[in-house]
Amino acid sequence: MGRLIKFLIYIVCLCFVGLVGYAYLGPIFGVDFSAPQDEIREPVILNVE
């Protein structure tokens, strides 16, 4: 049981390092993480009396 938990901890650490590496090296390989920048205008109707 201890070996299984140790193995799972190693897998979680490896996934974390892979995710951080992908976040840092992704733009070098052409991956764009920026959010789309579009202006959205919608009218707002307020019922004030």
PDB file of N, CA and C in Angstrom:
ATOM      1  N   MET A   1       0.831  -1.195   0.000  1.00  0.00           N
ATOM      2  CA  MET A   1       0.000   0.000   0.000  1.00  0.00           C
ATOM      3  C   MET A   1       0.872   1.254   0.000  1.00  0.00           C
ATOM      4  N   GLY A   2       1.987   1.204   0.730  1.00  0.00           N
ATOM      5  CA  GLY A   2       2.890   2.352   0.787  1.00  0.00           C
ATOM      6  C   GLY A   2       3.521   2.633  -0.557  1.00  0.00           C
ATOM      7  N   ARG A   3       3.854   1.578  -1.312  1.00  0.00           N
ATOM      8  CA  ARG A   3       4.449   1.778  -2.636  1.00  0.00           C
ATOM      9  C   ARG A   3       3.464   2.413  -3.596  1.00  0.00           C
ATOM     10  N   LEU A   4       2.197   2.067  -3.467  1.00  0.00           N
ATOM     11  CA  LEU A   4       1.169   2.644  -4.333  1.00  0.00           C
ATOM     12  C   LEU A   4       1.008   4.138  -4.062  1.00  0.00           C
ATOM     13  N   ILE A   5       0.991   4.510  -2.794  1.00  0.00           N
ATOM     14  CA  ILE A   5       0.854   5.932  -2.445  1.00  0.00           C
ATOM     15  C   ILE A   5       2.084   6.704  -2.911  1.00  0.00           C
ATOM     16  N   LYS A   6       3.264   6.129  -2.740  1.00  0.00           N
ATOM     17  CA  LYS A   6       4.489   6.775  -3.191  1.00  0.00           C
ATOM     18  C   LYS A   6       4.469   6.938  -4.717  1.00  0.00           C
ATOM     19  N   PHE A   7       4.001   5.917  -5.414  1.00  0.00           N
ATOM     20  CA  PHE A   7       3.903   5.988  -6.872  1.00  0.00           C
ATOM     21  C   PHE A   7       2.936   7.093  -7.303  1.00  0.00           C
ATOM     22  N   LEU A   8       1.794   7.207  -6.620  1.00  0.00           N
ATOM     23  CA  LEU A   8       0.822   8.252  -6.946  1.00  0.00           C
ATOM     24  C   LEU A   8       1.384   9.642  -6.673  1.00  0.00           C
ATOM     25  N   ILE A   9       2.156   9.785  -5.603  1.00  0.00           N
ATOM     26  CA  ILE A   9       2.778  11.078  -5.313  1.00  0.00           C
ATOM     27  C   ILE A   9       3.779  11.434  -6.399  1.00  0.00           C
ATOM     28  N   TYR A  10       4.557  10.451  -6.866  1.00  0.00           N
ATOM     29  CA  TYR A  10       5.499  10.701  -7.952  1.00  0.00           C
ATOM     30  C   TYR A  10       4.778  11.117  -9.231  1.00  0.00           C
ATOM     31  N   ILE A  11       3.675  10.468  -9.520  1.00  0.00           N
ATOM     32  CA  ILE A  11       2.903  10.797 -10.729  1.00  0.00           C
ATOM     33  C   ILE A  11       2.332  12.211 -10.627  1.00  0.00           C
ATOM     34  N   VAL A  12       1.812  12.591  -9.463  1.00  0.00           N
ATOM     35  CA  VAL A  12       1.260  13.936  -9.274  1.00  0.00           C
ATOM     36  C   VAL A  12       2.360  14.983  -9.427  1.00  0.00           C
ATOM     37  N   CYS A  13       3.530  14.724  -8.840  1.00  0.00           N
ATOM     38  CA  CYS A  13       4.657  15.665  -8.976  1.00  0.00           C
ATOM     39  C   CYS A  13       5.106  15.778 -10.426  1.00  0.00           C
ATOM     40  N   LEU A  14       5.168  14.673 -11.120  1.00  0.00           N
ATOM     41  CA  LEU A  14       5.569  14.687 -12.527  1.00  0.00           C
ATOM     42  C   LEU A  14       4.555  15.457 -13.379  1.00  0.00           C
ATOM     43  N   CYS A  15       3.277  15.285 -13.112  1.00  0.00           N
ATOM     44  CA  CYS A  15       2.242  16.034 -13.840  1.00  0.00           C
ATOM     45  C   CYS A  15       2.345  17.524 -13.550  1.00  0.00           C
ATOM     46  N   PHE A  16       2.622  17.881 -12.302  1.00  0.00           N
ATOM     47  CA  PHE A  16       2.763  19.288 -11.941  1.00  0.00           C
ATOM     48  C   PHE A  16       3.954  19.915 -12.658  1.00  0.00           C
ATOM     49  N   VAL A  17       5.085  19.228 -12.674  1.00  0.00           N
ATOM     50  CA  VAL A  17       6.270  19.741 -13.371  1.00  0.00           C
ATOM     51  C   VAL A  17       5.989  19.846 -14.868  1.00  0.00           C
ATOM     52  N   GLY A  18       5.279  18.897 -15.437  1.00  0.00           N
ATOM     53  CA  GLY A  18       4.930  18.954 -16.852  1.00  0.00           C
ATOM     54  C   GLY A  18       4.012  20.120 -17.167  1.00  0.00           C
ATOM     55  N   LEU A  19       3.053  20.380 -16.310  1.00  0.00           N
ATOM     56  CA  LEU A  19       2.128  21.498 -16.525  1.00  0.00           C
ATOM     57  C   LEU A  19       2.852  22.835 -16.432  1.00  0.00           C
ATOM     58  N   VAL A  20       3.735  22.982 -15.439  1.00  0.00           N
ATOM     59  CA  VAL A  20       4.503  24.222 -15.299  1.00  0.00           C
ATOM     60  C   VAL A  20       5.429  24.390 -16.498  1.00  0.00           C
ATOM     61  N   GLY A  21       6.065  23.320 -16.938  1.00  0.00           N
ATOM     62  CA  GLY A  21       6.926  23.391 -18.115  1.00  0.00           C
ATOM     63  C   GLY A  21       6.147  23.761 -19.365  1.00  0.00           C
ATOM     64  N   TYR A  22       4.969  23.234 -19.518  1.00  0.00           N
ATOM     65  CA  TYR A  22       4.130  23.568 -20.672  1.00  0.00           C
ATOM     66  C   TYR A  22       3.717  25.037 -20.638  1.00  0.00           C
ATOM     67  N   ALA A  23       3.432  25.544 -19.430  1.00  0.00           N
ATOM     68  CA  ALA A  23       3.034  26.945 -19.307  1.00  0.00           C
ATOM     69  C   ALA A  23       4.186  27.877 -19.686  1.00  0.00           C
ATOM     70  N   TYR A  24       5.405  27.521 -19.310  1.00  0.00           N
ATOM     71  CA  TYR A  24       6.546  28.365 -19.624  1.00  0.00           C
ATOM     72  C   TYR A  24       7.053  28.179 -21.054  1.00  0.00           C
ATOM     73  N   LEU A  25       7.041  26.961 -21.557  1.00  0.00           N
ATOM     74  CA  LEU A  25       7.609  26.686 -22.874  1.00  0.00           C
ATOM     75  C   LEU A  25       6.573  26.693 -23.989  1.00  0.00           C
ATOM     76  N   GLY A  26       5.301  26.779 -23.655  1.00  0.00           N
ATOM     77  CA  GLY A  26       4.247  26.772 -24.674  1.00  0.00           C
ATOM     78  C   GLY A  26       4.366  27.893 -25.689  1.00  0.00           C
ATOM     79  N   PRO A  27       4.584  29.154 -25.259  1.00  0.00           N
ATOM     80  CA  PRO A  27       4.712  30.233 -26.240  1.00  0.00           C
ATOM     81  C   PRO A  27       5.900  30.069 -27.193  1.00  0.00           C
ATOM     82  N   ILE A  28       6.933  29.382 -26.772  1.00  0.00           N
ATOM     83  CA  ILE A  28       8.082  29.137 -27.657  1.00  0.00           C
ATOM     84  C   ILE A  28       7.668  28.220 -28.804  1.00  0.00           C
ATOM     85  N   PHE A  29       6.776  27.275 -28.518  1.00  0.00           N
ATOM     86  CA  PHE A  29       6.326  26.326 -29.534  1.00  0.00           C
ATOM     87  C   PHE A  29       5.067  26.778 -30.269  1.00  0.00           C
ATOM     88  N   GLY A  30       4.629  28.033 -30.049  1.00  0.00           N
ATOM     89  CA  GLY A  30       3.521  28.586 -30.814  1.00  0.00           C
ATOM     90  C   GLY A  30       2.162  28.456 -30.163  1.00  0.00           C
ATOM     91  N   VAL A  31       2.090  28.132 -28.896  1.00  0.00           N
ATOM     92  CA  VAL A  31       0.811  28.036 -28.203  1.00  0.00           C
ATOM     93  C   VAL A  31       0.489  29.406 -27.615  1.00  0.00           C
ATOM     94  N   ASP A  32      -0.719  29.894 -27.865  1.00  0.00           N
ATOM     95  CA  ASP A  32      -1.119  31.218 -27.400  1.00  0.00           C
ATOM     96  C   ASP A  32      -2.088  31.066 -26.234  1.00  0.00           C
ATOM     97  N   PHE A  33      -1.694  31.554 -25.058  1.00  0.00           N
ATOM     98  CA  PHE A  33      -2.518  31.436 -23.863  1.00  0.00           C
ATOM     99  C   PHE A  33      -3.310  32.700 -23.562  1.00  0.00           C
ATOM    100  N   SER A  34      -3.177  33.727 -24.369  1.00  0.00           N
ATOM    101  CA  SER A  34      -3.842  34.992 -24.060  1.00  0.00           C
ATOM    102  C   SER A  34      -5.353  34.889 -24.343  1.00  0.00           C
ATOM    103  N   ALA A  35      -6.101  35.637 -23.568  1.00  0.00           N
ATOM    104  CA  ALA A  35      -7.554  35.652 -23.734  1.00  0.00           C
ATOM    105  C   ALA A  35      -7.925  36.511 -24.950  1.00  0.00           C
ATOM    106  N   PRO A  36      -9.006  36.164 -25.655  1.00  0.00           N
ATOM    107  CA  PRO A  36      -9.430  36.995 -26.772  1.00  0.00           C
ATOM    108  C   PRO A  36      -9.873  38.374 -26.278  1.00  0.00           C
ATOM    109  N   GLN A  37      -9.471  39.406 -27.008  1.00  0.00           N
ATOM    110  CA  GLN A  37      -9.769  40.767 -26.585  1.00  0.00           C
ATOM    111  C   GLN A  37     -10.760  41.380 -27.565  1.00  0.00           C
ATOM    112  N   ASP A  38     -12.031  41.247 -27.252  1.00  0.00           N
ATOM    113  CA  ASP A  38     -13.098  41.827 -28.063  1.00  0.00           C
ATOM    114  C   ASP A  38     -13.910  42.774 -27.189  1.00  0.00           C
ATOM    115  N   GLU A  39     -14.263  43.907 -27.763  1.00  0.00           N
ATOM    116  CA  GLU A  39     -15.092  44.856 -27.037  1.00  0.00           C
ATOM    117  C   GLU A  39     -16.551  44.481 -27.226  1.00  0.00           C
ATOM    118  N   ILE A  40     -17.273  44.375 -26.129  1.00  0.00           N
ATOM    119  CA  ILE A  40     -18.691  44.006 -26.166  1.00  0.00           C
ATOM    120  C   ILE A  40     -19.481  45.140 -25.541  1.00  0.00           C
ATOM    121  N   ARG A  41     -20.453  45.635 -26.284  1.00  0.00           N
ATOM    122  CA  ARG A  41     -21.323  46.697 -25.771  1.00  0.00           C
ATOM    123  C   ARG A  41     -22.755  46.201 -25.777  1.00  0.00           C
ATOM    124  N   GLU A  42     -23.407  46.293 -24.630  1.00  0.00           N
ATOM    125  CA  GLU A  42     -24.795  45.906 -24.510  1.00  0.00           C
ATOM    126  C   GLU A  42     -25.528  46.997 -23.759  1.00  0.00           C
ATOM    127  N   PRO A  43     -26.705  47.390 -24.255  1.00  0.00           N
ATOM    128  CA  PRO A  43     -27.473  48.423 -23.533  1.00  0.00           C
ATOM    129  C   PRO A  43     -28.040  47.873 -22.236  1.00  0.00           C
ATOM    130  N   VAL A  44     -28.067  48.723 -21.233  1.00  0.00           N
ATOM    131  CA  VAL A  44     -28.612  48.375 -19.934  1.00  0.00           C
ATOM    132  C   VAL A  44     -29.826  49.263 -19.665  1.00  0.00           C
ATOM    133  N   ILE A  45     -30.956  48.634 -19.372  1.00  0.00           N
ATOM    134  CA  ILE A  45     -32.192  49.362 -19.075  1.00  0.00           C
ATOM    135  C   ILE A  45     -32.425  49.290 -17.575  1.00  0.00           C
ATOM    136  N   LEU A  46     -32.456  50.451 -16.929  1.00  0.00           N
ATOM    137  CA  LEU A  46     -32.696  50.519 -15.496  1.00  0.00           C
ATOM    138  C   LEU A  46     -34.111  51.001 -15.232  1.00  0.00           C
ATOM    139  N   ASN A  47     -34.849  50.311 -14.421  1.00  0.00           N
ATOM    140  CA  ASN A  47     -36.207  50.706 -14.047  1.00  0.00           C
ATOM    141  C   ASN A  47     -36.150  51.528 -12.766  1.00  0.00           C
ATOM    142  N   VAL A  48     -35.898  52.833 -12.913  1.00  0.00           N
ATOM    143  CA  VAL A  48     -35.792  53.727 -11.764  1.00  0.00           C
ATOM    144  C   VAL A  48     -37.014  54.612 -11.759  1.00  0.00           C
ATOM    145  N   GLU A  49     -37.671  54.713 -10.621  1.00  0.00           N
ATOM    146  CA  GLU A  49     -38.863  55.549 -10.541  1.00  0.00           C
ATOM    147  C   GLU A  49     -38.680  56.622  -9.495  1.00  0.00           C
TER     148      GLU A  49
END
